[in-house]
Amino acid sequence: MSEAQVAAPAAPVKNTRTLVGRIVSDKRAKTVTVLVERRTAHELYGKIVAKSRKYHAHDEKGEYKIGDLVEIAEGRPISKTKSWVVTKLLEKAKLV
């Protein structure tokens, strides 16, 4: 076999869940609370209803603040309630 046939394949792409939400709390060390809102149809009546859920996400450097729009990705469990990591900043919070 030649060297060309034994070439290593590229690293596989991980299929991780990602969500987009707004930071509502940054009071804890290395952790932010992200509020993710979804708009779904009601099961019986069909009306569009807004549903929301809060996720605790890991912020290693503490660079994200309240009001920032961020993308979070699921990862390994970091603590009892934290298994999401902030991957990127989509929009900086507006100053009032």
N, C-alpha and C. Protein backbone atom coordinates (compact mmCIF):
# COMPACT_ATOMS: atom_id res chain seq x y z
N MET A 1 0.83 -1.19 0.00
CA MET A 1 0.00 0.00 0.00
C MET A 1 0.87 1.24 0.00
N SER A 2 0.47 2.21 -0.74
CA SER A 2 1.24 3.43 -0.82
C SER A 2 0.76 4.42 0.24
N GLU A 3 1.49 5.50 0.38
CA GLU A 3 1.16 6.52 1.38
C GLU A 3 -0.16 7.22 1.06
N ALA A 4 -0.51 7.34 -0.21
CA ALA A 4 -1.74 8.03 -0.60
C ALA A 4 -2.98 7.26 -0.16
N GLN A 5 -2.89 5.93 -0.15
CA GLN A 5 -4.04 5.12 0.23
C GLN A 5 -4.27 5.09 1.73
N VAL A 6 -3.24 5.37 2.53
CA VAL A 6 -3.34 5.28 3.98
C VAL A 6 -3.59 6.66 4.60
N ALA A 7 -3.95 7.63 3.81
CA ALA A 7 -4.16 8.99 4.33
C ALA A 7 -5.25 8.98 5.38
N ALA A 8 -5.02 9.69 6.46
CA ALA A 8 -5.98 9.75 7.56
C ALA A 8 -7.20 10.57 7.15
N PRO A 9 -8.39 10.09 7.50
CA PRO A 9 -9.61 10.86 7.17
C PRO A 9 -9.68 12.13 8.02
N ALA A 10 -10.46 13.09 7.53
CA ALA A 10 -10.64 14.33 8.28
C ALA A 10 -11.40 14.05 9.56
N ALA A 11 -11.24 14.91 10.56
CA ALA A 11 -11.92 14.73 11.84
C ALA A 11 -13.44 14.81 11.63
N PRO A 12 -14.20 13.90 12.23
CA PRO A 12 -15.65 13.92 12.04
C PRO A 12 -16.27 15.15 12.71
N VAL A 13 -17.33 15.66 12.09
CA VAL A 13 -18.02 16.83 12.61
C VAL A 13 -19.01 16.36 13.66
N LYS A 14 -18.97 16.98 14.86
CA LYS A 14 -19.90 16.61 15.91
C LYS A 14 -21.27 17.19 15.62
N ASN A 15 -22.29 16.41 15.85
CA ASN A 15 -23.66 16.88 15.71
C ASN A 15 -24.17 17.27 17.09
N THR A 16 -23.91 18.49 17.49
CA THR A 16 -24.36 18.96 18.79
C THR A 16 -25.54 19.89 18.62
N ARG A 17 -26.44 19.86 19.59
CA ARG A 17 -27.59 20.76 19.55
C ARG A 17 -27.13 22.17 19.87
N THR A 18 -27.63 23.14 19.14
CA THR A 18 -27.34 24.54 19.42
C THR A 18 -28.65 25.30 19.56
N LEU A 19 -28.65 26.28 20.46
CA LEU A 19 -29.81 27.12 20.70
C LEU A 19 -29.36 28.57 20.72
N VAL A 20 -30.29 29.48 20.45
CA VAL A 20 -30.01 30.91 20.50
C VAL A 20 -30.91 31.53 21.55
N GLY A 21 -30.31 32.32 22.45
CA GLY A 21 -31.10 32.94 23.50
C GLY A 21 -30.43 34.18 24.05
N ARG A 22 -31.14 34.85 24.97
CA ARG A 22 -30.66 36.07 25.57
C ARG A 22 -30.26 35.82 27.02
N ILE A 23 -29.13 36.41 27.44
CA ILE A 23 -28.63 36.22 28.80
C ILE A 23 -29.48 37.05 29.76
N VAL A 24 -30.00 36.38 30.80
CA VAL A 24 -30.82 37.07 31.80
C VAL A 24 -30.13 37.18 33.15
N SER A 25 -29.02 36.45 33.35
CA SER A 25 -28.28 36.54 34.60
C SER A 25 -26.82 36.18 34.35
N ASP A 26 -25.92 36.96 34.97
CA ASP A 26 -24.48 36.66 34.89
C ASP A 26 -23.83 36.80 36.27
N LYS A 27 -24.60 36.52 37.32
CA LYS A 27 -24.12 36.75 38.69
C LYS A 27 -23.17 35.67 39.19
N ARG A 28 -23.25 34.47 38.67
CA ARG A 28 -22.39 33.39 39.15
C ARG A 28 -21.07 33.35 38.39
N ALA A 29 -20.07 32.81 39.04
CA ALA A 29 -18.75 32.73 38.43
C ALA A 29 -18.75 31.68 37.32
N LYS A 30 -18.31 32.07 36.12
CA LYS A 30 -18.17 31.20 34.95
C LYS A 30 -19.48 30.60 34.48
N THR A 31 -20.62 31.19 34.87
CA THR A 31 -21.92 30.67 34.46
C THR A 31 -22.85 31.81 34.09
N VAL A 32 -23.59 31.64 33.01
CA VAL A 32 -24.63 32.60 32.63
C VAL A 32 -25.94 31.82 32.48
N THR A 33 -27.04 32.52 32.72
CA THR A 33 -28.37 31.92 32.52
C THR A 33 -28.92 32.48 31.22
N VAL A 34 -29.28 31.59 30.31
CA VAL A 34 -29.74 31.98 28.97
C VAL A 34 -31.22 31.61 28.83
N LEU A 35 -32.03 32.59 28.44
CA LEU A 35 -33.46 32.38 28.21
C LEU A 35 -33.67 32.12 26.73
N VAL A 36 -34.19 30.93 26.40
CA VAL A 36 -34.46 30.55 25.02
C VAL A 36 -35.97 30.54 24.82
N GLU A 37 -36.45 31.30 23.84
CA GLU A 37 -37.88 31.38 23.57
C GLU A 37 -38.21 30.65 22.27
N ARG A 38 -39.29 29.90 22.30
CA ARG A 38 -39.77 29.18 21.12
C ARG A 38 -41.21 29.58 20.86
N ARG A 39 -41.60 29.56 19.60
CA ARG A 39 -43.00 29.83 19.23
C ARG A 39 -43.55 28.56 18.59
N THR A 40 -44.53 27.95 19.28
CA THR A 40 -45.10 26.71 18.80
C THR A 40 -46.62 26.83 18.73
N ALA A 41 -47.22 25.95 17.96
CA ALA A 41 -48.68 25.91 17.86
C ALA A 41 -49.24 25.10 19.03
N HIS A 42 -50.32 25.60 19.63
CA HIS A 42 -51.00 24.89 20.71
C HIS A 42 -51.54 23.56 20.18
N GLU A 43 -51.42 22.50 20.99
CA GLU A 43 -51.78 21.16 20.52
C GLU A 43 -53.25 21.06 20.11
N LEU A 44 -54.16 21.66 20.89
CA LEU A 44 -55.58 21.51 20.62
C LEU A 44 -56.14 22.64 19.77
N TYR A 45 -55.78 23.88 20.10
CA TYR A 45 -56.42 25.03 19.46
C TYR A 45 -55.66 25.60 18.27
N GLY A 46 -54.39 25.26 18.12
CA GLY A 46 -53.62 25.71 16.97
C GLY A 46 -53.09 27.12 17.05
N LYS A 47 -53.39 27.84 18.14
CA LYS A 47 -52.89 29.21 18.31
C LYS A 47 -51.38 29.18 18.55
N ILE A 48 -50.67 30.16 18.01
CA ILE A 48 -49.22 30.26 18.22
C ILE A 48 -48.98 30.77 19.64
N VAL A 49 -48.22 29.99 20.41
CA VAL A 49 -47.94 30.30 21.80
C VAL A 49 -46.44 30.40 21.99
N ALA A 50 -46.00 31.40 22.77
CA ALA A 50 -44.58 31.55 23.07
C ALA A 50 -44.25 30.73 24.31
N LYS A 51 -43.26 29.86 24.18
CA LYS A 51 -42.79 29.06 25.31
C LYS A 51 -41.33 29.40 25.54
N SER A 52 -40.91 29.40 26.79
CA SER A 52 -39.52 29.74 27.09
C SER A 52 -38.94 28.76 28.11
N ARG A 53 -37.62 28.69 28.10
CA ARG A 53 -36.91 27.83 29.04
C ARG A 53 -35.55 28.46 29.32
N LYS A 54 -35.07 28.32 30.56
CA LYS A 54 -33.77 28.85 30.93
C LYS A 54 -32.75 27.71 30.98
N TYR A 55 -31.56 28.00 30.46
CA TYR A 55 -30.45 27.06 30.48
C TYR A 55 -29.27 27.71 31.18
N HIS A 56 -28.55 26.93 31.98
CA HIS A 56 -27.30 27.41 32.57
C HIS A 56 -26.18 27.04 31.61
N ALA A 57 -25.39 28.02 31.20
CA ALA A 57 -24.32 27.79 30.23
C ALA A 57 -22.98 28.22 30.81
N HIS A 58 -21.94 27.52 30.40
CA HIS A 58 -20.58 27.79 30.88
C HIS A 58 -19.95 28.95 30.11
N ASP A 59 -19.42 29.90 30.87
CA ASP A 59 -18.74 31.07 30.30
C ASP A 59 -17.38 31.17 31.00
N GLU A 60 -16.36 30.55 30.42
CA GLU A 60 -15.05 30.42 31.06
C GLU A 60 -14.42 31.75 31.44
N LYS A 61 -14.46 32.74 30.53
CA LYS A 61 -13.76 34.01 30.77
C LYS A 61 -14.64 35.07 31.40
N GLY A 62 -15.92 34.85 31.50
CA GLY A 62 -16.83 35.83 32.08
C GLY A 62 -17.01 37.05 31.19
N GLU A 63 -16.99 36.85 29.88
CA GLU A 63 -17.04 37.97 28.94
C GLU A 63 -18.44 38.36 28.50
N TYR A 64 -19.46 37.53 28.79
CA TYR A 64 -20.82 37.82 28.34
C TYR A 64 -21.61 38.46 29.47
N LYS A 65 -22.46 39.44 29.13
CA LYS A 65 -23.20 40.21 30.13
C LYS A 65 -24.70 40.10 29.89
N ILE A 66 -25.48 40.62 30.82
CA ILE A 66 -26.95 40.59 30.72
C ILE A 66 -27.40 41.32 29.46
N GLY A 67 -28.33 40.70 28.73
CA GLY A 67 -28.88 41.31 27.52
C GLY A 67 -28.21 40.87 26.24
N ASP A 68 -27.05 40.21 26.31
CA ASP A 68 -26.37 39.74 25.11
C ASP A 68 -27.14 38.58 24.48
N LEU A 69 -27.19 38.56 23.15
CA LEU A 69 -27.79 37.45 22.41
C LEU A 69 -26.66 36.49 22.06
N VAL A 70 -26.75 35.24 22.53
CA VAL A 70 -25.66 34.29 22.36
C VAL A 70 -26.18 32.97 21.80
N GLU A 71 -25.23 32.19 21.27
CA GLU A 71 -25.53 30.83 20.83
C GLU A 71 -24.89 29.89 21.83
N ILE A 72 -25.65 28.88 22.27
CA ILE A 72 -25.12 27.90 23.21
C ILE A 72 -25.17 26.52 22.55
N ALA A 73 -24.22 25.68 22.92
CA ALA A 73 -24.14 24.32 22.37
C ALA A 73 -24.09 23.32 23.51
N GLU A 74 -24.73 22.19 23.30
CA GLU A 74 -24.75 21.15 24.32
C GLU A 74 -23.40 20.45 24.37
N GLY A 75 -22.97 20.13 25.59
CA GLY A 75 -21.69 19.44 25.76
C GLY A 75 -21.78 18.47 26.92
N ARG A 76 -20.64 18.08 27.42
CA ARG A 76 -20.63 17.15 28.55
C ARG A 76 -21.12 17.86 29.81
N PRO A 77 -21.64 17.14 30.80
CA PRO A 77 -22.08 17.79 32.03
C PRO A 77 -20.91 18.43 32.78
N ILE A 78 -21.05 19.70 33.12
CA ILE A 78 -20.00 20.43 33.82
C ILE A 78 -20.32 20.47 35.31
N SER A 79 -21.61 20.56 35.65
CA SER A 79 -22.05 20.50 37.03
C SER A 79 -23.44 19.87 37.05
N LYS A 80 -24.11 19.93 38.20
CA LYS A 80 -25.43 19.30 38.33
C LYS A 80 -26.45 19.88 37.34
N THR A 81 -26.42 21.19 37.15
CA THR A 81 -27.42 21.84 36.28
C THR A 81 -26.84 22.41 34.99
N LYS A 82 -25.54 22.28 34.78
CA LYS A 82 -24.90 22.96 33.64
C LYS A 82 -24.27 21.96 32.68
N SER A 83 -24.86 21.88 31.47
CA SER A 83 -24.27 21.02 30.44
C SER A 83 -24.29 21.73 29.08
N TRP A 84 -24.36 23.05 29.08
CA TRP A 84 -24.32 23.85 27.86
C TRP A 84 -23.13 24.80 27.93
N VAL A 85 -22.57 25.16 26.77
CA VAL A 85 -21.42 26.06 26.69
C VAL A 85 -21.75 27.18 25.71
N VAL A 86 -21.42 28.41 26.09
CA VAL A 86 -21.63 29.54 25.18
C VAL A 86 -20.58 29.45 24.07
N THR A 87 -21.04 29.40 22.81
CA THR A 87 -20.11 29.25 21.70
C THR A 87 -19.77 30.57 21.02
N LYS A 88 -20.78 31.46 20.85
CA LYS A 88 -20.46 32.73 20.22
C LYS A 88 -21.47 33.80 20.57
N LEU A 89 -21.01 35.03 20.46
CA LEU A 89 -21.84 36.22 20.70
C LEU A 89 -22.47 36.63 19.38
N LEU A 90 -23.79 36.73 19.36
CA LEU A 90 -24.49 37.12 18.13
C LEU A 90 -24.81 38.62 18.12
N GLU A 91 -25.14 39.17 19.30
CA GLU A 91 -25.50 40.59 19.38
C GLU A 91 -25.19 41.11 20.77
N LYS A 92 -24.49 42.21 20.83
CA LYS A 92 -24.15 42.84 22.11
C LYS A 92 -25.38 43.53 22.69
N ALA A 93 -25.48 43.59 24.01
CA ALA A 93 -26.61 44.23 24.66
C ALA A 93 -26.62 45.73 24.36
N LYS A 94 -27.82 46.28 24.19
CA LYS A 94 -27.96 47.71 23.94
C LYS A 94 -27.91 48.48 25.25
N LEU A 95 -27.21 49.59 25.26
CA LEU A 95 -27.14 50.43 26.45
C LEU A 95 -28.41 51.27 26.56
N VAL A 96 -28.92 51.40 27.75
CA VAL A 96 -30.16 52.16 27.96
C VAL A 96 -29.85 53.61 28.25
